[in-house]
Amino acid sequence: MPLGHRGHDWRSGGSACVSEPPASAPAADPPEPARRRRNQALPLPIFQYVQAGARDEAHARLIEVLPALFRRLVVGLPNEVAGVAKVTTEQYGVLAYVLDRGSVSMSELACARNVALNTATSLIDRLVAAGLVERRGDPGDRRVVRVVVTPLGETLMERLRAVRRAAIRGVLDELTDDEVDLVLAALPALARLAGLRQPAPALER
């Protein structure tokens, strides 16, 4: 479903209506200004009204869709694989963050996960007890404790990421090709909202 109205070129900013082509001009090939979309010729106040309406619609639809999408693509994804310890969604996020960076300090982890330091410490305590991470000293500062993922934790994450990728692919396979194109078109804006770098350009199918 589209996330916003895409029928406007805000760079035009003009308030004058586009003139109709002369009567003698061929009906099938009018001058370029006359081929613009009807709402691009609207006065600026109406432009602003349409823009606000599109944002209101995007706001309403995101509120409706995002919680259900989060439950399905985040909370509903597998948290365990056979023969390896089960982790919660929050623990998975911690493991992924530490693994992708090699090692992190407790303060870095608490800041990244937006939790209090004692909450981050409790999370790491459980992961240490499960053998998935370990604490190490920082060679550059003895006061700092760093967290690294153990080989068992790396095995868990490798297998969990594989089953999660398969699960997400299964969700995408429920969409039509046109719907997948809409998802790809929306990803740069969604990535910006999430504070991420824009995804790499999609390969041509």
C-alpha atoms as a PDB file:
ATOM      1  CA  MET A   1       0.000   0.000   0.000  1.00  0.00           C
ATOM      2  CA  PRO A   2       1.464   3.395  -0.894  1.00  0.00           C
ATOM      3  CA  LEU A   3       2.866   5.363   2.034  1.00  0.00           C
ATOM      4  CA  GLY A   4       2.258   8.754   0.642  1.00  0.00           C
ATOM      5  CA  HIS A   5       0.714  10.673  -2.220  1.00  0.00           C
ATOM      6  CA  ARG A   6       3.112  10.704  -5.151  1.00  0.00           C
ATOM      7  CA  GLY A   7       1.104  12.802  -7.578  1.00  0.00           C
ATOM      8  CA  HIS A   8       2.827  16.164  -6.960  1.00  0.00           C
ATOM      9  CA  ASP A   9       6.017  17.898  -8.014  1.00  0.00           C
ATOM     10  CA  TRP A  10       6.632  20.276  -5.108  1.00  0.00           C
ATOM     11  CA  ARG A  11       9.580  21.835  -6.917  1.00  0.00           C
ATOM     12  CA  SER A  12       7.171  23.659  -9.247  1.00  0.00           C
ATOM     13  CA  GLY A  13       5.624  25.696  -6.414  1.00  0.00           C
ATOM     14  CA  GLY A  14       3.662  27.727  -8.956  1.00  0.00           C
ATOM     15  CA  SER A  15       0.265  29.169  -8.281  1.00  0.00           C
ATOM     16  CA  ALA A  16      -0.798  30.002 -11.844  1.00  0.00           C
ATOM     17  CA  CYS A  17      -3.068  27.594 -13.682  1.00  0.00           C
ATOM     18  CA  VAL A  18      -1.742  26.015 -16.844  1.00  0.00           C
ATOM     19  CA  SER A  19      -3.286  27.490 -19.968  1.00  0.00           C
ATOM     20  CA  GLU A  20      -5.296  25.286 -22.262  1.00  0.00           C
ATOM     21  CA  PRO A  21      -3.652  24.530 -25.627  1.00  0.00           C
ATOM     22  CA  PRO A  22      -4.896  26.479 -28.647  1.00  0.00           C
ATOM     23  CA  ALA A  23      -7.909  25.062 -30.387  1.00  0.00           C
ATOM     24  CA  SER A  24      -5.815  24.366 -33.457  1.00  0.00           C
ATOM     25  CA  ALA A  25      -3.307  22.227 -31.539  1.00  0.00           C
ATOM     26  CA  PRO A  26      -3.671  18.486 -32.109  1.00  0.00           C
ATOM     27  CA  ALA A  27      -5.696  17.013 -29.245  1.00  0.00           C
ATOM     28  CA  ALA A  28      -3.463  13.960 -29.029  1.00  0.00           C
ATOM     29  CA  ASP A  29      -0.249  15.961 -28.619  1.00  0.00           C
ATOM     30  CA  PRO A  30      -0.805  19.077 -26.427  1.00  0.00           C
ATOM     31  CA  PRO A  31       2.070  21.284 -25.241  1.00  0.00           C
ATOM     32  CA  GLU A  32       4.146  19.925 -22.368  1.00  0.00           C
ATOM     33  CA  PRO A  33       2.568  22.041 -19.554  1.00  0.00           C
ATOM     34  CA  ALA A  34      -0.873  20.743 -20.449  1.00  0.00           C
ATOM     35  CA  ARG A  35       0.278  17.163 -19.943  1.00  0.00           C
ATOM     36  CA  ARG A  36       0.982  17.714 -16.253  1.00  0.00           C
ATOM     37  CA  ARG A  37      -1.268  16.051 -13.766  1.00  0.00           C
ATOM     38  CA  ARG A  38      -4.355  18.079 -12.918  1.00  0.00           C
ATOM     39  CA  ASN A  39      -3.391  18.681  -9.313  1.00  0.00           C
ATOM     40  CA  GLN A  40       0.040  20.047 -10.319  1.00  0.00           C
ATOM     41  CA  ALA A  41      -1.758  23.093 -11.711  1.00  0.00           C
ATOM     42  CA  LEU A  42      -3.529  23.828  -8.426  1.00  0.00           C
ATOM     43  CA  PRO A  43      -2.798  27.057  -6.519  1.00  0.00           C
ATOM     44  CA  LEU A  44      -0.217  26.834  -3.725  1.00  0.00           C
ATOM     45  CA  PRO A  45      -2.750  26.834  -0.833  1.00  0.00           C
ATOM     46  CA  ILE A  46      -4.432  23.783  -2.361  1.00  0.00           C
ATOM     47  CA  PHE A  47      -0.995  22.177  -2.854  1.00  0.00           C
ATOM     48  CA  GLN A  48      -0.403  22.604   0.870  1.00  0.00           C
ATOM     49  CA  TYR A  49      -3.811  21.121   1.684  1.00  0.00           C
ATOM     50  CA  VAL A  50      -3.161  18.083  -0.513  1.00  0.00           C
ATOM     51  CA  GLN A  51       0.324  17.642   0.998  1.00  0.00           C
ATOM     52  CA  ALA A  52      -1.101  17.772   4.525  1.00  0.00           C
ATOM     53  CA  GLY A  53      -3.784  15.285   3.523  1.00  0.00           C
ATOM     54  CA  ALA A  54      -1.178  12.861   2.206  1.00  0.00           C
ATOM     55  CA  ARG A  55       0.812  13.101   5.432  1.00  0.00           C
ATOM     56  CA  ASP A  56      -2.327  12.559   7.495  1.00  0.00           C
ATOM     57  CA  GLU A  57      -3.157   9.483   5.447  1.00  0.00           C
ATOM     58  CA  ALA A  58       0.390   8.118   5.801  1.00  0.00           C
ATOM     59  CA  HIS A  59       0.243   8.771   9.535  1.00  0.00           C
ATOM     60  CA  ALA A  60      -3.066   6.961   9.944  1.00  0.00           C
ATOM     61  CA  ARG A  61      -1.991   3.975   7.856  1.00  0.00           C
ATOM     62  CA  LEU A  62       1.361   3.604   9.599  1.00  0.00           C
ATOM     63  CA  ILE A  63      -0.372   3.576  12.982  1.00  0.00           C
ATOM     64  CA  GLU A  64      -2.663   0.847  11.699  1.00  0.00           C
ATOM     65  CA  VAL A  65      -0.066  -1.294   9.922  1.00  0.00           C
ATOM     66  CA  LEU A  66       3.188  -1.008  11.884  1.00  0.00           C
ATOM     67  CA  PRO A  67       2.122  -2.756  15.123  1.00  0.00           C
ATOM     68  CA  ALA A  68       0.826  -5.790  13.225  1.00  0.00           C
ATOM     69  CA  LEU A  69       3.882  -5.796  10.953  1.00  0.00           C
ATOM     70  CA  PHE A  70       6.178  -5.582  13.980  1.00  0.00           C
ATOM     71  CA  ARG A  71       4.431  -8.526  15.619  1.00  0.00           C
ATOM     72  CA  ARG A  72       4.797 -10.624  12.499  1.00  0.00           C
ATOM     73  CA  LEU A  73       8.300  -9.656  11.352  1.00  0.00           C
ATOM     74  CA  VAL A  74       9.962  -9.165  14.742  1.00  0.00           C
ATOM     75  CA  VAL A  75       8.091 -10.700  17.649  1.00  0.00           C
ATOM     76  CA  GLY A  76       6.771 -13.600  15.571  1.00  0.00           C
ATOM     77  CA  LEU A  77      10.133 -14.644  14.127  1.00  0.00           C
ATOM     78  CA  PRO A  78      11.843 -17.795  15.449  1.00  0.00           C
ATOM     79  CA  ASN A  79      13.900 -17.357  18.634  1.00  0.00           C
ATOM     80  CA  GLU A  80      15.319 -20.860  18.846  1.00  0.00           C
ATOM     81  CA  VAL A  81      16.781 -23.622  16.733  1.00  0.00           C
ATOM     82  CA  ALA A  82      17.137 -27.277  17.619  1.00  0.00           C
ATOM     83  CA  GLY A  83      20.072 -28.061  19.880  1.00  0.00           C
ATOM     84  CA  VAL A  84      20.893 -24.427  20.726  1.00  0.00           C
ATOM     85  CA  ALA A  85      19.723 -22.184  23.573  1.00  0.00           C
ATOM     86  CA  LYS A  86      16.492 -20.232  23.140  1.00  0.00           C
ATOM     87  CA  VAL A  87      16.687 -16.439  23.351  1.00  0.00           C
ATOM     88  CA  THR A  88      14.110 -13.697  23.700  1.00  0.00           C
ATOM     89  CA  THR A  89      13.579 -11.004  21.069  1.00  0.00           C
ATOM     90  CA  GLU A  90      15.543  -8.522  23.212  1.00  0.00           C
ATOM     91  CA  GLN A  91      18.390 -10.984  23.745  1.00  0.00           C
ATOM     92  CA  TYR A  92      18.515 -11.627  20.015  1.00  0.00           C
ATOM     93  CA  GLY A  93      18.849  -7.892  19.430  1.00  0.00           C
ATOM     94  CA  VAL A  94      21.702  -7.676  21.931  1.00  0.00           C
ATOM     95  CA  LEU A  95      23.519 -10.632  20.370  1.00  0.00           C
ATOM     96  CA  ALA A  96      23.117  -9.171  16.890  1.00  0.00           C
ATOM     97  CA  TYR A  97      24.410  -5.772  18.007  1.00  0.00           C
ATOM     98  CA  VAL A  98      27.479  -7.207  19.748  1.00  0.00           C
ATOM     99  CA  LEU A  99      28.248  -9.710  16.981  1.00  0.00           C
ATOM    100  CA  ASP A 100      28.100  -7.099  14.222  1.00  0.00           C
ATOM    101  CA  ARG A 101      30.577  -4.865  16.100  1.00  0.00           C
ATOM    102  CA  GLY A 102      32.978  -7.473  17.447  1.00  0.00           C
ATOM    103  CA  SER A 103      32.847  -6.138  20.991  1.00  0.00           C
ATOM    104  CA  VAL A 104      31.071  -3.351  22.863  1.00  0.00           C
ATOM    105  CA  SER A 105      31.257  -1.773  26.283  1.00  0.00           C
ATOM    106  CA  MET A 106      28.321  -1.976  28.653  1.00  0.00           C
ATOM    107  CA  SER A 107      27.627   1.745  28.302  1.00  0.00           C
ATOM    108  CA  GLU A 108      27.649   1.462  24.497  1.00  0.00           C
ATOM    109  CA  LEU A 109      25.226  -1.428  24.674  1.00  0.00           C
ATOM    110  CA  ALA A 110      22.858   0.344  27.076  1.00  0.00           C
ATOM    111  CA  CYS A 111      22.829   3.438  24.870  1.00  0.00           C
ATOM    112  CA  ALA A 112      22.282   1.454  21.657  1.00  0.00           C
ATOM    113  CA  ARG A 113      19.417  -0.566  23.139  1.00  0.00           C
ATOM    114  CA  ASN A 114      17.947   2.496  24.866  1.00  0.00           C
ATOM    115  CA  VAL A 115      17.894   0.856  28.295  1.00  0.00           C
ATOM    116  CA  ALA A 116      19.370   1.679  31.694  1.00  0.00           C
ATOM    117  CA  LEU A 117      22.842   0.375  32.464  1.00  0.00           C
ATOM    118  CA  ASN A 118      21.550  -2.021  35.119  1.00  0.00           C
ATOM    119  CA  THR A 119      19.026  -3.424  32.613  1.00  0.00           C
ATOM    120  CA  ALA A 120      21.789  -4.013  30.079  1.00  0.00           C
ATOM    121  CA  THR A 121      23.862  -5.680  32.806  1.00  0.00           C
ATOM    122  CA  SER A 122      20.991  -8.047  33.609  1.00  0.00           C
ATOM    123  CA  LEU A 123      20.612  -8.947  29.944  1.00  0.00           C
ATOM    124  CA  ILE A 124      24.306  -9.720  29.638  1.00  0.00           C
ATOM    125  CA  ASP A 125      24.271 -11.730  32.872  1.00  0.00           C
ATOM    126  CA  ARG A 126      21.676 -14.082  31.365  1.00  0.00           C
ATOM    127  CA  LEU A 127      23.572 -14.391  28.102  1.00  0.00           C
ATOM    128  CA  VAL A 128      26.809 -15.100  29.987  1.00  0.00           C
ATOM    129  CA  ALA A 129      25.031 -17.811  32.006  1.00  0.00           C
ATOM    130  CA  ALA A 130      23.839 -19.376  28.732  1.00  0.00           C
ATOM    131  CA  GLY A 131      27.368 -19.334  27.337  1.00  0.00           C
ATOM    132  CA  LEU A 132      26.439 -17.011  24.473  1.00  0.00           C
ATOM    133  CA  VAL A 133      28.608 -14.006  25.420  1.00  0.00           C
ATOM    134  CA  GLU A 134      31.521 -13.309  27.722  1.00  0.00           C
ATOM    135  CA  ARG A 135      32.999 -10.283  29.409  1.00  0.00           C
ATOM    136  CA  ARG A 136      36.561  -9.190  28.746  1.00  0.00           C
ATOM    137  CA  GLY A 137      38.740  -6.362  29.919  1.00  0.00           C
ATOM    138  CA  ASP A 138      39.528  -3.463  27.623  1.00  0.00           C
ATOM    139  CA  PRO A 139      43.286  -3.382  26.885  1.00  0.00           C
ATOM    140  CA  GLY A 140      43.123   0.399  26.577  1.00  0.00           C
ATOM    141  CA  ASP A 141      41.224   1.059  29.790  1.00  0.00           C
ATOM    142  CA  ARG A 142      41.107  -1.346  32.729  1.00  0.00           C
ATOM    143  CA  ARG A 143      37.961   0.329  34.040  1.00  0.00           C
ATOM    144  CA  VAL A 144      35.994  -0.692  30.948  1.00  0.00           C
ATOM    145  CA  VAL A 145      34.398  -4.118  30.533  1.00  0.00           C
ATOM    146  CA  ARG A 146      33.702  -5.233  26.983  1.00  0.00           C
ATOM    147  CA  VAL A 147      31.242  -7.884  25.812  1.00  0.00           C
ATOM    148  CA  VAL A 148      31.977 -10.344  22.995  1.00  0.00           C
ATOM    149  CA  VAL A 149      29.948 -13.182  21.495  1.00  0.00           C
ATOM    150  CA  THR A 150      31.261 -16.688  22.164  1.00  0.00           C
ATOM    151  CA  PRO A 151      31.602 -19.390  19.479  1.00  0.00           C
ATOM    152  CA  LEU A 152      28.344 -20.902  20.772  1.00  0.00           C
ATOM    153  CA  GLY A 153      26.669 -17.518  20.418  1.00  0.00           C
ATOM    154  CA  GLU A 154      28.014 -17.144  16.886  1.00  0.00           C
ATOM    155  CA  THR A 155      26.613 -20.568  15.962  1.00  0.00           C
ATOM    156  CA  LEU A 156      23.237 -19.632  17.401  1.00  0.00           C
ATOM    157  CA  MET A 157      23.119 -16.332  15.537  1.00  0.00           C
ATOM    158  CA  GLU A 158      24.183 -17.894  12.237  1.00  0.00           C
ATOM    159  CA  ARG A 159      21.414 -20.472  12.438  1.00  0.00           C
ATOM    160  CA  LEU A 160      18.804 -18.071  13.785  1.00  0.00           C
ATOM    161  CA  ARG A 161      19.515 -15.529  11.074  1.00  0.00           C
ATOM    162  CA  ALA A 162      19.126 -18.236   8.441  1.00  0.00           C
ATOM    163  CA  VAL A 163      15.707 -19.345   9.688  1.00  0.00           C
ATOM    164  CA  ARG A 164      14.606 -15.725  10.137  1.00  0.00           C
ATOM    165  CA  ARG A 165      15.629 -14.844   6.574  1.00  0.00           C
ATOM    166  CA  ALA A 166      13.622 -17.821   5.352  1.00  0.00           C
ATOM    167  CA  ALA A 167      10.612 -16.700   7.417  1.00  0.00           C
ATOM    168  CA  ILE A 168      10.735 -13.163   6.040  1.00  0.00           C
ATOM    169  CA  ARG A 169      11.119 -14.507   2.502  1.00  0.00           C
ATOM    170  CA  GLY A 170       7.992 -16.569   3.107  1.00  0.00           C
ATOM    171  CA  VAL A 171       6.115 -13.407   4.068  1.00  0.00           C
ATOM    172  CA  LEU A 172       7.327 -11.574   0.952  1.00  0.00           C
ATOM    173  CA  ASP A 173       6.309 -14.506  -1.225  1.00  0.00           C
ATOM    174  CA  GLU A 174       2.708 -13.787  -0.214  1.00  0.00           C
ATOM    175  CA  LEU A 175       2.903 -10.500  -2.141  1.00  0.00           C
ATOM    176  CA  THR A 176       2.521  -9.958  -5.859  1.00  0.00           C
ATOM    177  CA  ASP A 177       5.422  -8.630  -7.949  1.00  0.00           C
ATOM    178  CA  ASP A 178       3.778  -5.201  -8.055  1.00  0.00           C
ATOM    179  CA  GLU A 179       3.433  -5.164  -4.266  1.00  0.00           C
ATOM    180  CA  VAL A 180       7.095  -6.125  -3.879  1.00  0.00           C
ATOM    181  CA  ASP A 181       8.001  -3.177  -6.140  1.00  0.00           C
ATOM    182  CA  LEU A 182       6.029  -0.892  -3.818  1.00  0.00           C
ATOM    183  CA  VAL A 183       7.885  -2.278  -0.797  1.00  0.00           C
ATOM    184  CA  LEU A 184      11.227  -1.613  -2.507  1.00  0.00           C
ATOM    185  CA  ALA A 185      10.149   1.921  -3.431  1.00  0.00           C
ATOM    186  CA  ALA A 186       9.214   2.630   0.201  1.00  0.00           C
ATOM    187  CA  LEU A 187      12.392   1.203   1.773  1.00  0.00           C
ATOM    188  CA  PRO A 188      14.620   4.301   1.426  1.00  0.00           C
ATOM    189  CA  ALA A 189      12.055   6.442   3.266  1.00  0.00           C
ATOM    190  CA  LEU A 190      11.470   3.763   5.914  1.00  0.00           C
ATOM    191  CA  ALA A 191      15.212   3.331   6.396  1.00  0.00           C
ATOM    192  CA  ARG A 192      15.538   7.084   6.912  1.00  0.00           C
ATOM    193  CA  LEU A 193      12.770   6.999   9.533  1.00  0.00           C
ATOM    194  CA  ALA A 194      14.601   4.153  11.268  1.00  0.00           C
ATOM    195  CA  GLY A 195      17.862   6.108  11.275  1.00  0.00           C
ATOM    196  CA  LEU A 196      19.545   3.640   8.935  1.00  0.00           C
ATOM    197  CA  ARG A 197      21.561   4.169   5.817  1.00  0.00           C
ATOM    198  CA  GLN A 198      19.547   3.729   2.665  1.00  0.00           C
ATOM    199  CA  PRO A 199      19.421   0.164   1.333  1.00  0.00           C
ATOM    200  CA  ALA A 200      21.571  -0.713  -1.644  1.00  0.00           C
ATOM    201  CA  PRO A 201      19.813  -0.286  -5.008  1.00  0.00           C
ATOM    202  CA  ALA A 202      17.700  -3.284  -5.937  1.00  0.00           C
ATOM    203  CA  LEU A 203      18.943  -5.592  -8.656  1.00  0.00           C
ATOM    204  CA  GLU A 204      16.897  -5.705 -11.836  1.00  0.00           C
ATOM    205  CA  ARG A 205      14.667  -8.729 -12.036  1.00  0.00           C
END
